[in-house]
C-alpha atoms as a PDB file:
ATOM      1  CA  UNK A   1       0.000   0.000   0.000  1.00  0.00           C
ATOM      2  CA  UNK A   2       2.902   2.345   0.738  1.00  0.00           C
ATOM      3  CA  UNK A   3       4.281   1.722  -2.764  1.00  0.00           C
ATOM      4  CA  UNK A   4       0.981   2.836  -4.267  1.00  0.00           C
ATOM      5  CA  UNK A   5       0.862   6.052  -2.267  1.00  0.00           C
ATOM      6  CA  UNK A   6       4.537   7.038  -2.582  1.00  0.00           C
ATOM      7  CA  UNK A   7       5.944   5.386  -5.747  1.00  0.00           C
ATOM      8  CA  UNK A   8       8.907   7.752  -6.086  1.00  0.00           C
ATOM      9  CA  UNK A   9      10.273   7.111  -2.630  1.00  0.00           C
ATOM     10  CA  UNK A  10       9.764   3.343  -2.818  1.00  0.00           C
ATOM     11  CA  UNK A  11      11.372   2.831  -6.265  1.00  0.00           C
ATOM     12  CA  UNK A  12       8.302   1.364  -7.982  1.00  0.00           C
ATOM     13  CA  UNK A  13       8.769   3.609 -11.009  1.00  0.00           C
ATOM     14  CA  UNK A  14      12.522   3.531 -11.439  1.00  0.00           C
ATOM     15  CA  UNK A  15      12.611   6.066 -14.255  1.00  0.00           C
ATOM     16  CA  UNK A  16      10.550   8.659 -12.405  1.00  0.00           C
ATOM     17  CA  UNK A  17      12.572   8.050  -9.253  1.00  0.00           C
ATOM     18  CA  UNK A  18      15.893   8.476 -11.094  1.00  0.00           C
ATOM     19  CA  UNK A  19      14.615  11.630 -12.799  1.00  0.00           C
ATOM     20  CA  UNK A  20      13.427  13.138  -9.519  1.00  0.00           C
ATOM     21  CA  UNK A  21      16.831  12.472  -7.930  1.00  0.00           C
ATOM     22  CA  UNK A  22      18.567  13.965 -10.973  1.00  0.00           C
ATOM     23  CA  UNK A  23      16.449  17.118 -10.753  1.00  0.00           C
ATOM     24  CA  UNK A  24      17.194  17.418  -7.039  1.00  0.00           C
ATOM     25  CA  UNK A  25      20.955  17.161  -7.683  1.00  0.00           C
ATOM     26  CA  UNK A  26      21.021  19.242 -10.888  1.00  0.00           C
ATOM     27  CA  UNK A  27      21.871  22.620  -9.303  1.00  0.00           C
ATOM     28  CA  UNK A  28      24.874  21.102  -7.516  1.00  0.00           C
ATOM     29  CA  UNK A  29      25.996  19.134 -10.571  1.00  0.00           C
ATOM     30  CA  UNK A  30      25.744  22.173 -12.861  1.00  0.00           C
ATOM     31  CA  UNK A  31      27.753  24.329 -10.464  1.00  0.00           C
ATOM     32  CA  UNK A  32      30.394  21.634 -10.045  1.00  0.00           C
ATOM     33  CA  UNK A  33      30.754  21.005 -13.771  1.00  0.00           C
ATOM     34  CA  UNK A  34      31.093  24.733 -14.449  1.00  0.00           C
ATOM     35  CA  UNK A  35      33.787  24.934 -11.780  1.00  0.00           C
ATOM     36  CA  UNK A  36      35.720  22.087 -13.429  1.00  0.00           C
ATOM     37  CA  UNK A  37      36.314  24.002 -16.604  1.00  0.00           C
ATOM     38  CA  UNK A  38      36.012  22.864 -20.194  1.00  0.00           C
ATOM     39  CA  UNK A  39      39.082  20.612 -20.374  1.00  0.00           C
ATOM     40  CA  UNK A  40      38.431  18.692 -17.146  1.00  0.00           C
ATOM     41  CA  UNK A  41      34.739  18.383 -17.997  1.00  0.00           C
ATOM     42  CA  UNK A  42      35.686  16.839 -21.349  1.00  0.00           C
ATOM     43  CA  UNK A  43      38.181  14.490 -19.666  1.00  0.00           C
ATOM     44  CA  UNK A  44      35.559  13.421 -17.111  1.00  0.00           C
ATOM     45  CA  UNK A  45      32.960  12.770 -19.809  1.00  0.00           C
ATOM     46  CA  UNK A  46      35.421  10.765 -21.911  1.00  0.00           C
ATOM     47  CA  UNK A  47      36.552   8.713 -18.902  1.00  0.00           C
ATOM     48  CA  UNK A  48      33.002   7.863 -17.848  1.00  0.00           C
ATOM     49  CA  UNK A  49      31.992   6.999 -21.407  1.00  0.00           C
ATOM     50  CA  UNK A  50      35.037   4.770 -21.903  1.00  0.00           C
ATOM     51  CA  UNK A  51      34.567   3.047 -18.536  1.00  0.00           C
ATOM     52  CA  UNK A  52      30.888   2.287 -19.110  1.00  0.00           C
ATOM     53  CA  UNK A  53      31.586   1.296 -22.689  1.00  0.00           C
ATOM     54  CA  UNK A  54      34.295  -1.174 -21.710  1.00  0.00           C
ATOM     55  CA  UNK A  55      32.375  -2.700 -18.815  1.00  0.00           C
ATOM     56  CA  UNK A  56      29.499  -3.499 -21.165  1.00  0.00           C
ATOM     57  CA  UNK A  57      31.748  -6.094 -22.826  1.00  0.00           C
ATOM     58  CA  UNK A  58      32.448  -7.932 -19.555  1.00  0.00           C
ATOM     59  CA  UNK A  59      29.819 -10.619 -18.913  1.00  0.00           C
ATOM     60  CA  UNK A  60      28.009 -10.306 -15.618  1.00  0.00           C
ATOM     61  CA  UNK A  61      28.976  -6.655 -15.005  1.00  0.00           C
ATOM     62  CA  UNK A  62      25.503  -5.357 -15.782  1.00  0.00           C
ATOM     63  CA  UNK A  63      22.752  -7.372 -14.156  1.00  0.00           C
ATOM     64  CA  UNK A  64      19.190  -6.639 -15.244  1.00  0.00           C
ATOM     65  CA  UNK A  65      16.603  -7.160 -12.538  1.00  0.00           C
ATOM     66  CA  UNK A  66      13.151  -7.863 -13.928  1.00  0.00           C
ATOM     67  CA  UNK A  67      11.268  -8.011 -10.620  1.00  0.00           C
END
């Protein structure tokens, strides 16, 4: 019953929950990324993209939960 009343806080709708958390953190993230500067922001983006890209080729790294 709690999941029906408060779906965002209970994680029933994962996309809406993730988006709400992103919106809550956005002012801090934007300020931090602006403080990094263009070069470090680019390096951070490239590092994260490469890391996630490479881990997708390792079996068992990404586990999809259907329930």
